[in-house]
N, C-alpha and C. Protein backbone atom coordinates (compact mmCIF):
# COMPACT_ATOMS: atom_id res chain seq x y z
N MET A 1 -52.22 -106.92 42.91
CA MET A 1 -51.39 -106.47 44.02
C MET A 1 -52.18 -105.48 44.86
N THR A 2 -52.12 -105.63 46.15
CA THR A 2 -52.80 -104.74 47.07
C THR A 2 -51.94 -103.53 47.35
N THR A 3 -52.54 -102.35 47.25
CA THR A 3 -51.81 -101.12 47.54
C THR A 3 -51.90 -100.82 49.04
N PRO A 4 -51.01 -99.95 49.55
CA PRO A 4 -51.11 -99.57 50.96
C PRO A 4 -52.48 -98.98 51.30
N ASP A 5 -53.04 -98.15 50.42
CA ASP A 5 -54.36 -97.56 50.67
C ASP A 5 -55.43 -98.65 50.77
N GLU A 6 -55.40 -99.62 49.87
CA GLU A 6 -56.38 -100.72 49.90
C GLU A 6 -56.25 -101.56 51.16
N ARG A 7 -55.01 -101.82 51.56
CA ARG A 7 -54.76 -102.64 52.75
C ARG A 7 -55.28 -101.93 54.00
N THR A 8 -54.96 -100.64 54.11
CA THR A 8 -55.42 -99.87 55.26
C THR A 8 -56.93 -99.79 55.28
N LYS A 9 -57.56 -99.58 54.13
CA LYS A 9 -59.02 -99.52 54.06
C LYS A 9 -59.63 -100.85 54.48
N ALA A 10 -59.04 -101.95 54.07
CA ALA A 10 -59.56 -103.27 54.44
C ALA A 10 -59.50 -103.48 55.96
N VAL A 11 -58.41 -103.06 56.57
CA VAL A 11 -58.28 -103.21 58.02
C VAL A 11 -59.32 -102.34 58.73
N ARG A 12 -59.48 -101.10 58.27
CA ARG A 12 -60.45 -100.20 58.91
C ARG A 12 -61.88 -100.67 58.68
N ASP A 13 -62.19 -101.14 57.47
CA ASP A 13 -63.55 -101.63 57.18
C ASP A 13 -63.87 -102.87 58.00
N THR A 14 -62.88 -103.75 58.17
CA THR A 14 -63.08 -104.95 58.98
C THR A 14 -63.31 -104.55 60.44
N ASN A 15 -62.56 -103.56 60.90
CA ASN A 15 -62.75 -103.07 62.26
C ASN A 15 -64.19 -102.57 62.44
N GLU A 16 -64.68 -101.79 61.51
CA GLU A 16 -66.04 -101.27 61.61
C GLU A 16 -67.07 -102.40 61.56
N PHE A 17 -66.86 -103.38 60.69
CA PHE A 17 -67.76 -104.53 60.59
C PHE A 17 -67.80 -105.30 61.91
N LEU A 18 -66.65 -105.54 62.50
CA LEU A 18 -66.61 -106.26 63.76
C LEU A 18 -67.27 -105.46 64.88
N ARG A 19 -67.10 -104.15 64.88
CA ARG A 19 -67.76 -103.31 65.88
C ARG A 19 -69.28 -103.38 65.72
N THR A 20 -69.75 -103.39 64.49
CA THR A 20 -71.19 -103.52 64.25
C THR A 20 -71.70 -104.85 64.77
N LEU A 21 -71.01 -105.94 64.45
CA LEU A 21 -71.42 -107.26 64.93
C LEU A 21 -71.39 -107.32 66.46
N ALA A 22 -70.41 -106.67 67.05
CA ALA A 22 -70.27 -106.72 68.50
C ALA A 22 -71.37 -105.94 69.22
N SER A 23 -72.03 -105.03 68.54
CA SER A 23 -73.01 -104.19 69.21
C SER A 23 -74.47 -104.47 68.86
N VAL A 24 -74.73 -105.45 67.99
CA VAL A 24 -76.12 -105.73 67.61
C VAL A 24 -76.87 -106.40 68.75
N ASP A 25 -78.18 -106.17 68.78
CA ASP A 25 -79.01 -106.76 69.83
C ASP A 25 -79.43 -108.18 69.52
N GLN A 26 -79.63 -108.51 68.25
CA GLN A 26 -80.10 -109.84 67.88
C GLN A 26 -79.13 -110.46 66.89
N ILE A 27 -78.75 -111.69 67.14
CA ILE A 27 -77.85 -112.41 66.24
C ILE A 27 -78.44 -113.78 65.93
N THR A 28 -77.99 -114.36 64.83
CA THR A 28 -78.53 -115.64 64.39
C THR A 28 -78.18 -116.76 65.35
N ILE A 29 -76.93 -116.86 65.73
CA ILE A 29 -76.49 -117.88 66.68
C ILE A 29 -76.21 -117.14 67.99
N PRO A 30 -77.10 -117.27 68.96
CA PRO A 30 -77.01 -116.47 70.17
C PRO A 30 -75.61 -116.43 70.79
N GLY A 31 -75.07 -115.23 70.86
CA GLY A 31 -73.80 -115.03 71.53
C GLY A 31 -72.55 -115.32 70.73
N LEU A 32 -72.62 -116.20 69.75
CA LEU A 32 -71.40 -116.64 69.07
C LEU A 32 -70.75 -115.53 68.27
N ILE A 33 -71.50 -114.90 67.37
CA ILE A 33 -70.90 -113.88 66.50
C ILE A 33 -70.41 -112.71 67.34
N GLN A 34 -71.22 -112.29 68.29
CA GLN A 34 -70.83 -111.15 69.13
C GLN A 34 -69.60 -111.48 69.96
N THR A 35 -69.54 -112.66 70.51
CA THR A 35 -68.39 -113.08 71.31
C THR A 35 -67.12 -113.09 70.49
N VAL A 36 -67.20 -113.64 69.28
CA VAL A 36 -66.02 -113.68 68.40
C VAL A 36 -65.60 -112.27 68.02
N ALA A 37 -66.58 -111.42 67.67
CA ALA A 37 -66.25 -110.04 67.29
C ALA A 37 -65.56 -109.30 68.43
N VAL A 38 -66.07 -109.44 69.63
CA VAL A 38 -65.47 -108.79 70.80
C VAL A 38 -64.05 -109.31 71.02
N ASP A 39 -63.85 -110.60 70.89
CA ASP A 39 -62.51 -111.18 71.07
C ASP A 39 -61.53 -110.67 70.01
N LEU A 40 -62.00 -110.58 68.76
CA LEU A 40 -61.13 -110.08 67.69
C LEU A 40 -60.79 -108.61 67.89
N LEU A 41 -61.77 -107.82 68.29
CA LEU A 41 -61.53 -106.39 68.49
C LEU A 41 -60.57 -106.12 69.64
N ARG A 42 -60.49 -107.02 70.58
CA ARG A 42 -59.59 -106.84 71.72
C ARG A 42 -58.13 -106.67 71.26
N HIS A 43 -57.76 -107.31 70.18
CA HIS A 43 -56.37 -107.26 69.69
C HIS A 43 -56.26 -106.59 68.33
N TYR A 44 -57.32 -105.93 67.89
CA TYR A 44 -57.33 -105.30 66.57
C TYR A 44 -56.61 -103.96 66.62
N PRO A 45 -55.86 -103.60 65.59
CA PRO A 45 -55.11 -102.33 65.63
C PRO A 45 -56.04 -101.12 65.62
N LEU A 46 -55.66 -100.11 66.40
CA LEU A 46 -56.36 -98.83 66.43
C LEU A 46 -55.77 -97.92 65.36
N ASP A 47 -56.43 -96.79 65.09
CA ASP A 47 -55.89 -95.85 64.11
C ASP A 47 -54.48 -95.39 64.48
N VAL A 48 -54.22 -95.22 65.78
CA VAL A 48 -52.88 -94.81 66.20
C VAL A 48 -51.84 -95.87 65.81
N ASP A 49 -52.23 -97.15 65.87
CA ASP A 49 -51.34 -98.22 65.44
C ASP A 49 -51.11 -98.18 63.93
N LEU A 50 -52.19 -97.90 63.18
CA LEU A 50 -52.05 -97.79 61.73
C LEU A 50 -51.16 -96.61 61.36
N GLU A 51 -51.30 -95.50 62.10
CA GLU A 51 -50.43 -94.34 61.87
C GLU A 51 -48.96 -94.70 62.08
N ALA A 52 -48.68 -95.39 63.17
CA ALA A 52 -47.30 -95.78 63.46
C ALA A 52 -46.77 -96.74 62.40
N SER A 53 -47.61 -97.68 61.98
CA SER A 53 -47.21 -98.63 60.94
C SER A 53 -46.96 -97.92 59.61
N ALA A 54 -47.83 -96.96 59.28
CA ALA A 54 -47.66 -96.22 58.03
C ALA A 54 -46.38 -95.40 58.04
N SER A 55 -46.05 -94.84 59.19
CA SER A 55 -44.81 -94.06 59.30
C SER A 55 -43.59 -94.95 59.16
N ALA A 56 -43.65 -96.14 59.74
CA ALA A 56 -42.51 -97.06 59.71
C ALA A 56 -42.41 -97.82 58.40
N LEU A 57 -43.56 -98.16 57.80
CA LEU A 57 -43.58 -98.98 56.59
C LEU A 57 -44.53 -98.40 55.55
N PRO A 58 -44.18 -97.27 54.94
CA PRO A 58 -45.08 -96.63 54.00
C PRO A 58 -45.35 -97.46 52.74
N SER A 59 -44.51 -98.44 52.46
CA SER A 59 -44.77 -99.30 51.29
C SER A 59 -45.79 -100.39 51.60
N VAL A 60 -46.13 -100.56 52.88
CA VAL A 60 -47.09 -101.59 53.30
C VAL A 60 -48.40 -100.97 53.76
N TRP A 61 -48.34 -99.87 54.54
CA TRP A 61 -49.51 -99.23 55.12
C TRP A 61 -49.63 -97.80 54.66
N ALA A 62 -50.86 -97.30 54.64
CA ALA A 62 -51.12 -95.89 54.36
C ALA A 62 -51.67 -95.24 55.62
N HIS A 63 -51.44 -93.94 55.76
CA HIS A 63 -52.01 -93.22 56.90
C HIS A 63 -53.52 -93.21 56.74
N PRO A 64 -54.26 -93.58 57.78
CA PRO A 64 -55.72 -93.58 57.68
C PRO A 64 -56.26 -92.16 57.57
N PRO A 65 -57.30 -91.96 56.78
CA PRO A 65 -57.89 -90.62 56.72
C PRO A 65 -58.59 -90.30 58.04
N PRO A 66 -58.80 -89.04 58.32
CA PRO A 66 -59.49 -88.69 59.56
C PRO A 66 -60.86 -89.34 59.63
N ALA A 67 -61.24 -89.77 60.81
CA ALA A 67 -62.55 -90.44 60.98
C ALA A 67 -63.69 -89.47 60.94
């Protein structure tokens, strides 16, 4: 079973991974990975969204630690 802390960490870690992919200078398949990462990040929740979700659904989300 996934805990709220684990779920929140997974979302934040995925966000960081996608940001890294979106900002690299060289990629294996030119443009593809970066384009997908940028598209995913466009709709990815921000910490403020995670805070609101944690307040509304504490059994599902945890408040993210300070960055």
